Amino acid sequence: GRDFSMETLELDFGTSLRIGANNIQLANADWADTPEMLTVNR
């Protein structure tokens, strides 16, 4: 029920499943002090 975004996503399928993502953001609750609850650079 929150806004969620990621700037880029890379997937690779082979002998391994690899996932990479940049600038991940999950919105905070409406009443919270900051707009994002979670931010991840990489």
PDB file of all heavy atoms in Angstrom:
ATOM      1  N   GLY A   1       0.802  -1.209   0.000  1.00  0.00           N
ATOM      2  CA  GLY A   1       0.000   0.000   0.000  1.00  0.00           C
ATOM      3  C   GLY A   1       0.837   1.260   0.000  1.00  0.00           C
ATOM      4  O   GLY A   1       0.327   2.356   0.270  1.00  0.00           O
ATOM      5  N   ARG A   2       2.116   1.138  -0.303  1.00  0.00           N
ATOM      6  CA  ARG A   2       3.033   2.280  -0.325  1.00  0.00           C
ATOM      7  C   ARG A   2       3.655   2.428  -1.706  1.00  0.00           C
ATOM      8  O   ARG A   2       3.796   1.444  -2.446  1.00  0.00           O
ATOM      9  CB  ARG A   2       4.160   2.076   0.689  1.00  0.00           C
ATOM     10  CG  ARG A   2       3.707   1.770   2.116  1.00  0.00           C
ATOM     11  CD  ARG A   2       3.479   3.030   2.920  1.00  0.00           C
ATOM     12  NE  ARG A   2       3.099   2.703   4.285  1.00  0.00           N
ATOM     13  CZ  ARG A   2       3.967   2.482   5.277  1.00  0.00           C
ATOM     14  NH1 ARG A   2       5.255   2.554   5.041  1.00  0.00           N
ATOM     15  NH2 ARG A   2       3.529   2.201   6.489  1.00  0.00           N
ATOM     16  N   ASP A   3       4.051   3.662  -2.047  1.00  0.00           N
ATOM     17  CA  ASP A   3       4.796   3.888  -3.278  1.00  0.00           C
ATOM     18  C   ASP A   3       6.150   3.202  -3.184  1.00  0.00           C
ATOM     19  O   ASP A   3       6.816   3.249  -2.139  1.00  0.00           O
ATOM     20  CB  ASP A   3       4.990   5.384  -3.525  1.00  0.00           C
ATOM     21  CG  ASP A   3       3.701   6.079  -3.939  1.00  0.00           C
ATOM     22  OD1 ASP A   3       2.811   5.373  -4.444  1.00  0.00           O
ATOM     23  OD2 ASP A   3       3.591   7.301  -3.738  1.00  0.00           O
ATOM     24  N   PHE A   4       6.553   2.574  -4.268  1.00  0.00           N
ATOM     25  CA  PHE A   4       7.823   1.855  -4.323  1.00  0.00           C
ATOM     26  C   PHE A   4       8.446   2.099  -5.686  1.00  0.00           C
ATOM     27  O   PHE A   4       7.755   2.116  -6.709  1.00  0.00           O
ATOM     28  CB  PHE A   4       7.606   0.354  -4.111  1.00  0.00           C
ATOM     29  CG  PHE A   4       8.857  -0.464  -4.237  1.00  0.00           C
ATOM     30  CD1 PHE A   4       9.766  -0.547  -3.194  1.00  0.00           C
ATOM     31  CD2 PHE A   4       9.134  -1.164  -5.409  1.00  0.00           C
ATOM     32  CE1 PHE A   4      10.924  -1.303  -3.314  1.00  0.00           C
ATOM     33  CE2 PHE A   4      10.277  -1.918  -5.533  1.00  0.00           C
ATOM     34  CZ  PHE A   4      11.182  -1.990  -4.476  1.00  0.00           C
ATOM     35  N   SER A   5       9.759   2.309  -5.699  1.00  0.00           N
ATOM     36  CA  SER A   5      10.439   2.568  -6.965  1.00  0.00           C
ATOM     37  C   SER A   5      11.871   2.077  -6.906  1.00  0.00           C
ATOM     38  O   SER A   5      12.450   1.926  -5.824  1.00  0.00           O
ATOM     39  CB  SER A   5      10.420   4.071  -7.295  1.00  0.00           C
ATOM     40  OG  SER A   5      11.170   4.805  -6.339  1.00  0.00           O
ATOM     41  N   MET A   6      12.423   1.812  -8.072  1.00  0.00           N
ATOM     42  CA  MET A   6      13.852   1.524  -8.219  1.00  0.00           C
ATOM     43  C   MET A   6      14.295   2.118  -9.551  1.00  0.00           C
ATOM     44  O   MET A   6      13.576   2.054 -10.547  1.00  0.00           O
ATOM     45  CB  MET A   6      14.125   0.017  -8.158  1.00  0.00           C
ATOM     46  CG  MET A   6      13.451  -0.803  -9.241  1.00  0.00           C
ATOM     47  SD  MET A   6      13.840  -2.576  -9.113  1.00  0.00           S
ATOM     48  CE  MET A   6      12.896  -3.038  -7.657  1.00  0.00           C
ATOM     49  N   GLU A   7      15.478   2.708  -9.530  1.00  0.00           N
ATOM     50  CA  GLU A   7      15.948   3.405 -10.728  1.00  0.00           C
ATOM     51  C   GLU A   7      16.314   2.433 -11.834  1.00  0.00           C
ATOM     52  O   GLU A   7      15.923   2.610 -12.996  1.00  0.00           O
ATOM     53  CB  GLU A   7      17.149   4.289 -10.389  1.00  0.00           C
ATOM     54  CG  GLU A   7      17.653   5.118 -11.550  1.00  0.00           C
ATOM     55  CD  GLU A   7      18.781   6.038 -11.151  1.00  0.00           C
ATOM     56  OE1 GLU A   7      18.827   6.466  -9.985  1.00  0.00           O
ATOM     57  OE2 GLU A   7      19.631   6.338 -12.016  1.00  0.00           O
ATOM     58  N   THR A   8      17.059   1.390 -11.491  1.00  0.00           N
ATOM     59  CA  THR A   8      17.448   0.390 -12.481  1.00  0.00           C
ATOM     60  C   THR A   8      17.338  -0.999 -11.870  1.00  0.00           C
ATOM     61  O   THR A   8      17.423  -1.178 -10.654  1.00  0.00           O
ATOM     62  CB  THR A   8      18.893   0.601 -12.970  1.00  0.00           C
ATOM     63  OG1 THR A   8      19.797   0.500 -11.842  1.00  0.00           O
ATOM     64  CG2 THR A   8      19.052   1.953 -13.640  1.00  0.00           C
ATOM     65  N   LEU A   9      17.143  -1.992 -12.738  1.00  0.00           N
ATOM     66  CA  LEU A   9      17.089  -3.392 -12.329  1.00  0.00           C
ATOM     67  C   LEU A   9      17.796  -4.227 -13.378  1.00  0.00           C
ATOM     68  O   LEU A   9      17.530  -4.080 -14.577  1.00  0.00           O
ATOM     69  CB  LEU A   9      15.637  -3.856 -12.179  1.00  0.00           C
ATOM     70  CG  LEU A   9      15.435  -5.341 -11.865  1.00  0.00           C
ATOM     71  CD1 LEU A   9      15.922  -5.668 -10.467  1.00  0.00           C
ATOM     72  CD2 LEU A   9      13.968  -5.743 -12.025  1.00  0.00           C
ATOM     73  N   GLU A  10      18.723  -5.082 -12.928  1.00  0.00           N
ATOM     74  CA  GLU A  10      19.417  -5.995 -13.843  1.00  0.00           C
ATOM     75  C   GLU A  10      19.175  -7.426 -13.380  1.00  0.00           C
ATOM     76  O   GLU A  10      19.305  -7.737 -12.197  1.00  0.00           O
ATOM     77  CB  GLU A  10      20.923  -5.728 -13.867  1.00  0.00           C
ATOM     78  CG  GLU A  10      21.314  -4.268 -14.052  1.00  0.00           C
ATOM     79  CD  GLU A  10      21.762  -3.635 -12.755  1.00  0.00           C
ATOM     80  OE1 GLU A  10      22.496  -4.266 -11.983  1.00  0.00           O
ATOM     81  OE2 GLU A  10      21.340  -2.494 -12.505  1.00  0.00           O
ATOM     82  N   LEU A  11      18.802  -8.269 -14.323  1.00  0.00           N
ATOM     83  CA  LEU A  11      18.577  -9.685 -14.051  1.00  0.00           C
ATOM     84  C   LEU A  11      19.442 -10.516 -14.985  1.00  0.00           C
ATOM     85  O   LEU A  11      19.594 -10.182 -16.163  1.00  0.00           O
ATOM     86  CB  LEU A  11      17.105 -10.049 -14.250  1.00  0.00           C
ATOM     87  CG  LEU A  11      16.100  -9.485 -13.246  1.00  0.00           C
ATOM     88  CD1 LEU A  11      14.692  -9.858 -13.660  1.00  0.00           C
ATOM     89  CD2 LEU A  11      16.391  -9.993 -11.850  1.00  0.00           C
ATOM     90  N   ASP A  12      19.986 -11.612 -14.443  1.00  0.00           N
ATOM     91  CA  ASP A  12      20.797 -12.519 -15.262  1.00  0.00           C
ATOM     92  C   ASP A  12      20.428 -13.943 -14.890  1.00  0.00           C
ATOM     93  O   ASP A  12      20.467 -14.326 -13.717  1.00  0.00           O
ATOM     94  CB  ASP A  12      22.296 -12.268 -15.029  1.00  0.00           C
ATOM     95  CG  ASP A  12      23.159 -13.173 -15.893  1.00  0.00           C
ATOM     96  OD1 ASP A  12      22.741 -13.470 -17.027  1.00  0.00           O
ATOM     97  OD2 ASP A  12      24.235 -13.595 -15.425  1.00  0.00           O
ATOM     98  N   PHE A  13      20.049 -14.722 -15.895  1.00  0.00           N
ATOM     99  CA  PHE A  13      19.662 -16.111 -15.689  1.00  0.00           C
ATOM    100  C   PHE A  13      20.707 -17.018 -16.328  1.00  0.00           C
ATOM    101  O   PHE A  13      21.070 -16.840 -17.487  1.00  0.00           O
ATOM    102  CB  PHE A  13      18.295 -16.400 -16.321  1.00  0.00           C
ATOM    103  CG  PHE A  13      17.175 -15.563 -15.756  1.00  0.00           C
ATOM    104  CD1 PHE A  13      16.797 -14.390 -16.375  1.00  0.00           C
ATOM    105  CD2 PHE A  13      16.520 -15.958 -14.610  1.00  0.00           C
ATOM    106  CE1 PHE A  13      15.767 -13.619 -15.866  1.00  0.00           C
ATOM    107  CE2 PHE A  13      15.487 -15.202 -14.093  1.00  0.00           C
ATOM    108  CZ  PHE A  13      15.113 -14.028 -14.723  1.00  0.00           C
ATOM    109  N   GLY A  14      21.193 -17.972 -15.566  1.00  0.00           N
ATOM    110  CA  GLY A  14      22.158 -18.936 -16.065  1.00  0.00           C
ATOM    111  C   GLY A  14      22.297 -20.040 -15.044  1.00  0.00           C
ATOM    112  O   GLY A  14      21.297 -20.587 -14.560  1.00  0.00           O
ATOM    113  N   THR A  15      23.526 -20.402 -14.700  1.00  0.00           N
ATOM    114  CA  THR A  15      23.720 -21.350 -13.604  1.00  0.00           C
ATOM    115  C   THR A  15      23.352 -20.726 -12.266  1.00  0.00           C
ATOM    116  O   THR A  15      23.172 -21.430 -11.284  1.00  0.00           O
ATOM    117  CB  THR A  15      25.185 -21.818 -13.568  1.00  0.00           C
ATOM    118  OG1 THR A  15      26.049 -20.678 -13.449  1.00  0.00           O
ATOM    119  CG2 THR A  15      25.530 -22.576 -14.839  1.00  0.00           C
ATOM    120  N   SER A  16      23.241 -19.385 -12.256  1.00  0.00           N
ATOM    121  CA  SER A  16      22.791 -18.661 -11.075  1.00  0.00           C
ATOM    122  C   SER A  16      21.739 -17.642 -11.485  1.00  0.00           C
ATOM    123  O   SER A  16      21.725 -17.168 -12.625  1.00  0.00           O
ATOM    124  CB  SER A  16      23.962 -17.941 -10.379  1.00  0.00           C
ATOM    125  OG  SER A  16      24.917 -18.865  -9.895  1.00  0.00           O
ATOM    126  N   LEU A  17      20.865 -17.309 -10.548  1.00  0.00           N
ATOM    127  CA  LEU A  17      19.929 -16.212 -10.733  1.00  0.00           C
ATOM    128  C   LEU A  17      20.527 -15.002 -10.035  1.00  0.00           C
ATOM    129  O   LEU A  17      20.687 -14.986  -8.814  1.00  0.00           O
ATOM    130  CB  LEU A  17      18.567 -16.568 -10.135  1.00  0.00           C
ATOM    131  CG  LEU A  17      17.564 -15.412 -10.015  1.00  0.00           C
ATOM    132  CD1 LEU A  17      17.259 -14.823 -11.386  1.00  0.00           C
ATOM    133  CD2 LEU A  17      16.292 -15.869  -9.323  1.00  0.00           C
ATOM    134  N   ARG A  18      20.867 -13.985 -10.809  1.00  0.00           N
ATOM    135  CA  ARG A  18      21.490 -12.770 -10.263  1.00  0.00           C
ATOM    136  C   ARG A  18      20.546 -11.586 -10.437  1.00  0.00           C
ATOM    137  O   ARG A  18      19.959 -11.399 -11.490  1.00  0.00           O
ATOM    138  CB  ARG A  18      22.818 -12.487 -10.953  1.00  0.00           C
ATOM    139  CG  ARG A  18      23.873 -13.572 -10.757  1.00  0.00           C
ATOM    140  CD  ARG A  18      25.190 -13.154 -11.404  1.00  0.00           C
ATOM    141  NE  ARG A  18      26.225 -14.157 -11.228  1.00  0.00           N
ATOM    142  CZ  ARG A  18      26.440 -15.143 -12.087  1.00  0.00           C
ATOM    143  NH1 ARG A  18      25.686 -15.250 -13.177  1.00  0.00           N
ATOM    144  NH2 ARG A  18      27.394 -16.018 -11.866  1.00  0.00           N
ATOM    145  N   ILE A  19      20.451 -10.780  -9.362  1.00  0.00           N
ATOM    146  CA  ILE A  19      19.611  -9.592  -9.366  1.00  0.00           C
ATOM    147  C   ILE A  19      20.433  -8.420  -8.862  1.00  0.00           C
ATOM    148  O   ILE A  19      21.146  -8.535  -7.862  1.00  0.00           O
ATOM    149  CB  ILE A  19      18.363  -9.780  -8.479  1.00  0.00           C
ATOM    150  CG1 ILE A  19      17.533 -10.970  -8.959  1.00  0.00           C
ATOM    151  CG2 ILE A  19      17.513  -8.512  -8.463  1.00  0.00           C
ATOM    152  CD1 ILE A  19      16.345 -11.269  -8.060  1.00  0.00           C
ATOM    153  N   GLY A  20      20.329  -7.289  -9.550  1.00  0.00           N
ATOM    154  CA  GLY A  20      20.975  -6.063  -9.117  1.00  0.00           C
ATOM    155  C   GLY A  20      20.017  -4.902  -9.269  1.00  0.00           C
ATOM    156  O   GLY A  20      19.277  -4.821 -10.251  1.00  0.00           O
ATOM    157  N   ALA A  21      19.985  -4.004  -8.292  1.00  0.00           N
ATOM    158  CA  ALA A  21      19.072  -2.862  -8.350  1.00  0.00           C
ATOM    159  C   ALA A  21      19.747  -1.643  -7.745  1.00  0.00           C
ATOM    160  O   ALA A  21      20.529  -1.755  -6.792  1.00  0.00           O
ATOM    161  CB  ALA A  21      17.772  -3.165  -7.614  1.00  0.00           C
ATOM    162  N   ASN A  22      19.423  -0.468  -8.300  1.00  0.00           N
ATOM    163  CA  ASN A  22      19.972   0.798  -7.831  1.00  0.00           C
ATOM    164  C   ASN A  22      18.852   1.726  -7.371  1.00  0.00           C
ATOM    165  O   ASN A  22      17.754   1.728  -7.949  1.00  0.00           O
ATOM    166  CB  ASN A  22      20.766   1.495  -8.942  1.00  0.00           C
ATOM    167  CG  ASN A  22      22.050   0.763  -9.283  1.00  0.00           C
ATOM    168  OD1 ASN A  22      22.710   0.193  -8.411  1.00  0.00           O
ATOM    169  ND2 ASN A  22      22.399   0.742 -10.552  1.00  0.00           N
ATOM    170  N   ASN A  23      19.167   2.494  -6.339  1.00  0.00           N
ATOM    171  CA  ASN A  23      18.276   3.555  -5.855  1.00  0.00           C
ATOM    172  C   ASN A  23      16.853   3.043  -5.612  1.00  0.00           C
ATOM    173  O   ASN A  23      15.893   3.436  -6.269  1.00  0.00           O
ATOM    174  CB  ASN A  23      18.252   4.722  -6.841  1.00  0.00           C
ATOM    175  CG  ASN A  23      19.612   5.384  -6.989  1.00  0.00           C
ATOM    176  OD1 ASN A  23      20.399   5.404  -6.046  1.00  0.00           O
ATOM    177  ND2 ASN A  23      19.901   5.910  -8.161  1.00  0.00           N
ATOM    178  N   ILE A  24      16.738   2.161  -4.625  1.00  0.00           N
ATOM    179  CA  ILE A  24      15.445   1.605  -4.218  1.00  0.00           C
ATOM    180  C   ILE A  24      14.838   2.519  -3.153  1.00  0.00           C
ATOM    181  O   ILE A  24      15.522   2.946  -2.218  1.00  0.00           O
ATOM    182  CB  ILE A  24      15.625   0.184  -3.671  1.00  0.00           C
ATOM    183  CG1 ILE A  24      16.299  -0.712  -4.714  1.00  0.00           C
ATOM    184  CG2 ILE A  24      14.305  -0.397  -3.234  1.00  0.00           C
ATOM    185  CD1 ILE A  24      16.714  -2.059  -4.170  1.00  0.00           C
ATOM    186  N   GLN A  25      13.541   2.794  -3.278  1.00  0.00           N
ATOM    187  CA  GLN A  25      12.852   3.647  -2.308  1.00  0.00           C
ATOM    188  C   GLN A  25      11.476   3.077  -1.993  1.00  0.00           C
ATOM    189  O   GLN A  25      10.736   2.700  -2.896  1.00  0.00           O
ATOM    190  CB  GLN A  25      12.694   5.076  -2.842  1.00  0.00           C
ATOM    191  CG  GLN A  25      14.005   5.817  -3.015  1.00  0.00           C
ATOM    192  CD  GLN A  25      13.797   7.263  -3.437  1.00  0.00           C
ATOM    193  OE1 GLN A  25      12.727   7.649  -3.896  1.00  0.00           O
ATOM    194  NE2 GLN A  25      14.831   8.074  -3.290  1.00  0.00           N
ATOM    195  N   LEU A  26      11.160   3.025  -0.688  1.00  0.00           N
ATOM    196  CA  LEU A  26       9.831   2.629  -0.218  1.00  0.00           C
ATOM    197  C   LEU A  26       9.279   3.760   0.624  1.00  0.00           C
ATOM    198  O   LEU A  26       9.920   4.212   1.583  1.00  0.00           O
ATOM    199  CB  LEU A  26       9.899   1.344   0.606  1.00  0.00           C
ATOM    200  CG  LEU A  26       8.577   0.852   1.209  1.00  0.00           C
ATOM    201  CD1 LEU A  26       7.583   0.483   0.104  1.00  0.00           C
ATOM    202  CD2 LEU A  26       8.804  -0.348   2.130  1.00  0.00           C
ATOM    203  N   ALA A  27       8.087   4.249   0.261  1.00  0.00           N
ATOM    204  CA  ALA A  27       7.507   5.412   0.927  1.00  0.00           C
ATOM    205  C   ALA A  27       7.170   5.120   2.378  1.00  0.00           C
ATOM    206  O   ALA A  27       6.862   3.983   2.759  1.00  0.00           O
ATOM    207  CB  ALA A  27       6.259   5.868   0.173  1.00  0.00           C
ATOM    208  N   ASN A  28       7.202   6.171   3.189  1.00  0.00           N
ATOM    209  CA  ASN A  28       6.884   6.071   4.602  1.00  0.00           C
ATOM    210  C   ASN A  28       5.382   6.228   4.808  1.00  0.00           C
ATOM    211  O   ASN A  28       4.625   6.521   3.878  1.00  0.00           O
ATOM    212  CB  ASN A  28       7.637   7.160   5.380  1.00  0.00           C
ATOM    213  CG  ASN A  28       8.050   6.687   6.758  1.00  0.00           C
ATOM    214  OD1 ASN A  28       7.472   5.758   7.317  1.00  0.00           O
ATOM    215  ND2 ASN A  28       9.056   7.330   7.326  1.00  0.00           N
ATOM    216  N   ALA A  29       4.925   6.024   6.035  1.00  0.00           N
ATOM    217  CA  ALA A  29       3.534   6.280   6.371  1.00  0.00           C
ATOM    218  C   ALA A  29       3.230   7.767   6.211  1.00  0.00           C
ATOM    219  O   ALA A  29       4.125   8.612   6.325  1.00  0.00           O
ATOM    220  CB  ALA A  29       3.245   5.823   7.796  1.00  0.00           C
ATOM    221  N   ASP A  30       1.968   8.092   5.953  1.00  0.00           N
ATOM    222  CA  ASP A  30       1.595   9.487   5.695  1.00  0.00           C
ATOM    223  C   ASP A  30       1.929  10.407   6.868  1.00  0.00           C
ATOM    224  O   ASP A  30       2.244  11.584   6.668  1.00  0.00           O
ATOM    225  CB  ASP A  30       0.093   9.584   5.376  1.00  0.00           C
ATOM    226  CG  ASP A  30      -0.264   8.862   4.084  1.00  0.00           C
ATOM    227  OD1 ASP A  30       0.642   8.672   3.252  1.00  0.00           O
ATOM    228  OD2 ASP A  30      -1.439   8.471   3.927  1.00  0.00           O
ATOM    229  N   TRP A  31       1.854   9.891   8.090  1.00  0.00           N
ATOM    230  CA  TRP A  31       2.054  10.718   9.269  1.00  0.00           C
ATOM    231  C   TRP A  31       3.514  10.787   9.709  1.00  0.00           C
ATOM    232  O   TRP A  31       3.853  11.500  10.652  1.00  0.00           O
ATOM    233  CB  TRP A  31       1.211  10.175  10.430  1.00  0.00           C
ATOM    234  CG  TRP A  31       1.340   8.685  10.616  1.00  0.00           C
ATOM    235  CD1 TRP A  31       0.494   7.733  10.166  1.00  0.00           C
ATOM    236  CD2 TRP A  31       2.403   7.984  11.283  1.00  0.00           C
ATOM    237  NE1 TRP A  31       0.933   6.476  10.496  1.00  0.00           N
ATOM    238  CE2 TRP A  31       2.119   6.601  11.195  1.00  0.00           C
ATOM    239  CE3 TRP A  31       3.555   8.372  11.941  1.00  0.00           C
ATOM    240  CZ2 TRP A  31       2.934   5.627  11.742  1.00  0.00           C
ATOM    241  CZ3 TRP A  31       4.386   7.404  12.495  1.00  0.00           C
ATOM    242  CH2 TRP A  31       4.065   6.049  12.393  1.00  0.00           C
ATOM    243  N   ALA A  32       4.401  10.051   9.060  1.00  0.00           N
ATOM    244  CA  ALA A  32       5.809   9.977   9.482  1.00  0.00           C
ATOM    245  C   ALA A  32       6.548  11.276   9.171  1.00  0.00           C
ATOM    246  O   ALA A  32       6.104  12.094   8.364  1.00  0.00           O
ATOM    247  CB  ALA A  32       6.496   8.795   8.818  1.00  0.00           C
ATOM    248  N   ASP A  33       7.714  11.439   9.797  1.00  0.00           N
ATOM    249  CA  ASP A  33       8.487  12.663   9.654  1.00  0.00           C
ATOM    250  C   ASP A  33       9.217  12.740   8.322  1.00  0.00           C
ATOM    251  O   ASP A  33       9.482  13.839   7.821  1.00  0.00           O
ATOM    252  CB  ASP A  33       9.514  12.787  10.799  1.00  0.00           C
ATOM    253  CG  ASP A  33       8.847  12.936  12.150  1.00  0.00           C
ATOM    254  OD1 ASP A  33       7.654  13.330  12.184  1.00  0.00           O
ATOM    255  OD2 ASP A  33       9.506  12.661  13.178  1.00  0.00           O
ATOM    256  N   THR A  34       9.578  11.598   7.753  1.00  0.00           N
ATOM    257  CA  THR A  34      10.341  11.572   6.507  1.00  0.00           C
ATOM    258  C   THR A  34       9.515  10.936   5.396  1.00  0.00           C
ATOM    259  O   THR A  34       8.683  10.067   5.661  1.00  0.00           O
ATOM    260  CB  THR A  34      11.648  10.791   6.680  1.00  0.00           C
ATOM    261  OG1 THR A  34      11.344   9.449   7.101  1.00  0.00           O
ATOM    262  CG2 THR A  34      12.556  11.448   7.727  1.00  0.00           C
ATOM    263  N   PRO A  35       9.729  11.348   4.141  1.00  0.00           N
ATOM    264  CA  PRO A  35       8.927  10.787   3.045  1.00  0.00           C
ATOM    265  C   PRO A  35       9.232   9.329   2.734  1.00  0.00           C
ATOM    266  O   PRO A  35       8.358   8.602   2.280  1.00  0.00           O
ATOM    267  CB  PRO A  35       9.274  11.687   1.855  1.00  0.00           C
ATOM    268  CG  PRO A  35      10.608  12.276   2.192  1.00  0.00           C
ATOM    269  CD  PRO A  35      10.623  12.429   3.677  1.00  0.00           C
ATOM    270  N   GLU A  36      10.477   8.884   2.976  1.00  0.00           N
ATOM    271  CA  GLU A  36      10.850   7.498   2.687  1.00  0.00           C
ATOM    272  C   GLU A  36      11.089   6.726   3.975  1.00  0.00           C
ATOM    273  O   GLU A  36      11.723   7.224   4.905  1.00  0.00           O
ATOM    274  CB  GLU A  36      12.110   7.424   1.817  1.00  0.00           C
ATOM    275  CG  GLU A  36      11.894   7.713   0.362  1.00  0.00           C
ATOM    276  CD  GLU A  36      11.887   9.205   0.077  1.00  0.00           C
ATOM    277  OE1 GLU A  36      12.605   9.930   0.801  1.00  0.00           O
ATOM    278  OE2 GLU A  36      11.173   9.642  -0.838  1.00  0.00           O
ATOM    279  N   MET A  37      10.593   5.511   3.999  1.00  0.00           N
ATOM    280  CA  MET A  37      10.865   4.595   5.106  1.00  0.00           C
ATOM    281  C   MET A  37      12.148   3.805   4.861  1.00  0.00           C
ATOM    282  O   MET A  37      12.868   3.445   5.786  1.00  0.00           O
ATOM    283  CB  MET A  37       9.684   3.642   5.276  1.00  0.00           C
ATOM    284  CG  MET A  37       9.895   2.514   6.256  1.00  0.00           C
ATOM    285  SD  MET A  37       8.462   1.412   6.311  1.00  0.00           S
ATOM    286  CE  MET A  37       9.140   0.049   7.236  1.00  0.00           C
ATOM    287  N   LEU A  38      12.421   3.537   3.585  1.00  0.00           N
ATOM    288  CA  LEU A  38      13.581   2.734   3.217  1.00  0.00           C
ATOM    289  C   LEU A  38      14.190   3.287   1.936  1.00  0.00           C
ATOM    290  O   LEU A  38      13.479   3.544   0.959  1.00  0.00           O
ATOM    291  CB  LEU A  38      13.164   1.276   3.001  1.00  0.00           C
ATOM    292  CG  LEU A  38      14.191   0.345   2.340  1.00  0.00           C
ATOM    293  CD1 LEU A  38      15.370   0.112   3.271  1.00  0.00           C
ATOM    294  CD2 LEU A  38      13.554  -0.982   1.937  1.00  0.00           C
ATOM    295  N   THR A  39      15.495   3.481   1.946  1.00  0.00           N
ATOM    296  CA  THR A  39      16.230   3.823   0.732  1.00  0.00           C
ATOM    297  C   THR A  39      17.486   2.955   0.684  1.00  0.00           C
ATOM    298  O   THR A  39      18.165   2.761   1.696  1.00  0.00           O
ATOM    299  CB  THR A  39      16.640   5.304   0.693  1.00  0.00           C
ATOM    300  OG1 THR A  39      17.492   5.597   1.808  1.00  0.00           O
ATOM    301  CG2 THR A  39      15.431   6.218   0.748  1.00  0.00           C
ATOM    302  N   VAL A  40      17.763   2.420  -0.491  1.00  0.00           N
ATOM    303  CA  VAL A  40      18.932   1.565  -0.705  1.00  0.00           C
ATOM    304  C   VAL A  40      19.642   2.044  -1.959  1.00  0.00           C
ATOM    305  O   VAL A  40      19.014   2.173  -3.016  1.00  0.00           O
ATOM    306  CB  VAL A  40      18.537   0.081  -0.855  1.00  0.00           C
ATOM    307  CG1 VAL A  40      19.773  -0.765  -1.141  1.00  0.00           C
ATOM    308  CG2 VAL A  40      17.828  -0.418   0.394  1.00  0.00           C
ATOM    309  N   ASN A  41      20.936   2.316  -1.826  1.00  0.00           N
ATOM    310  CA  ASN A  41      21.700   2.782  -2.977  1.00  0.00           C
ATOM    311  C   ASN A  41      21.968   1.652  -3.973  1.00  0.00           C
ATOM    312  O   ASN A  41      21.763   1.813  -5.183  1.00  0.00           O
ATOM    313  CB  ASN A  41      23.026   3.396  -2.522  1.00  0.00           C
ATOM    314  CG  ASN A  41      23.834   3.969  -3.674  1.00  0.00           C
ATOM    315  OD1 ASN A  41      23.313   4.748  -4.468  1.00  0.00           O
ATOM    316  ND2 ASN A  41      25.094   3.569  -3.778  1.00  0.00           N
ATOM    317  N   ARG A  42      22.387   0.483  -3.466  1.00  0.00           N
ATOM    318  CA  ARG A  42      22.710  -0.643  -4.338  1.00  0.00           C
ATOM    319  C   ARG A  42      22.427  -1.955  -3.632  1.00  0.00           C
ATOM    320  O   ARG A  42      22.814  -2.153  -2.475  1.00  0.00           O
ATOM    321  CB  ARG A  42      24.187  -0.597  -4.745  1.00  0.00           C
ATOM    322  CG  ARG A  42      24.666  -1.779  -5.577  1.00  0.00           C
ATOM    323  CD  ARG A  42      24.027  -1.809  -6.946  1.00  0.00           C
ATOM    324  NE  ARG A  42      24.513  -2.940  -7.767  1.00  0.00           N
ATOM    325  CZ  ARG A  42      24.040  -3.252  -8.967  1.00  0.00           C
ATOM    326  NH1 ARG A  42      23.092  -2.512  -9.522  1.00  0.00           N
ATOM    327  NH2 ARG A  42      24.508  -4.282  -9.629  1.00  0.00           N
TER     328      ARG A  42
END
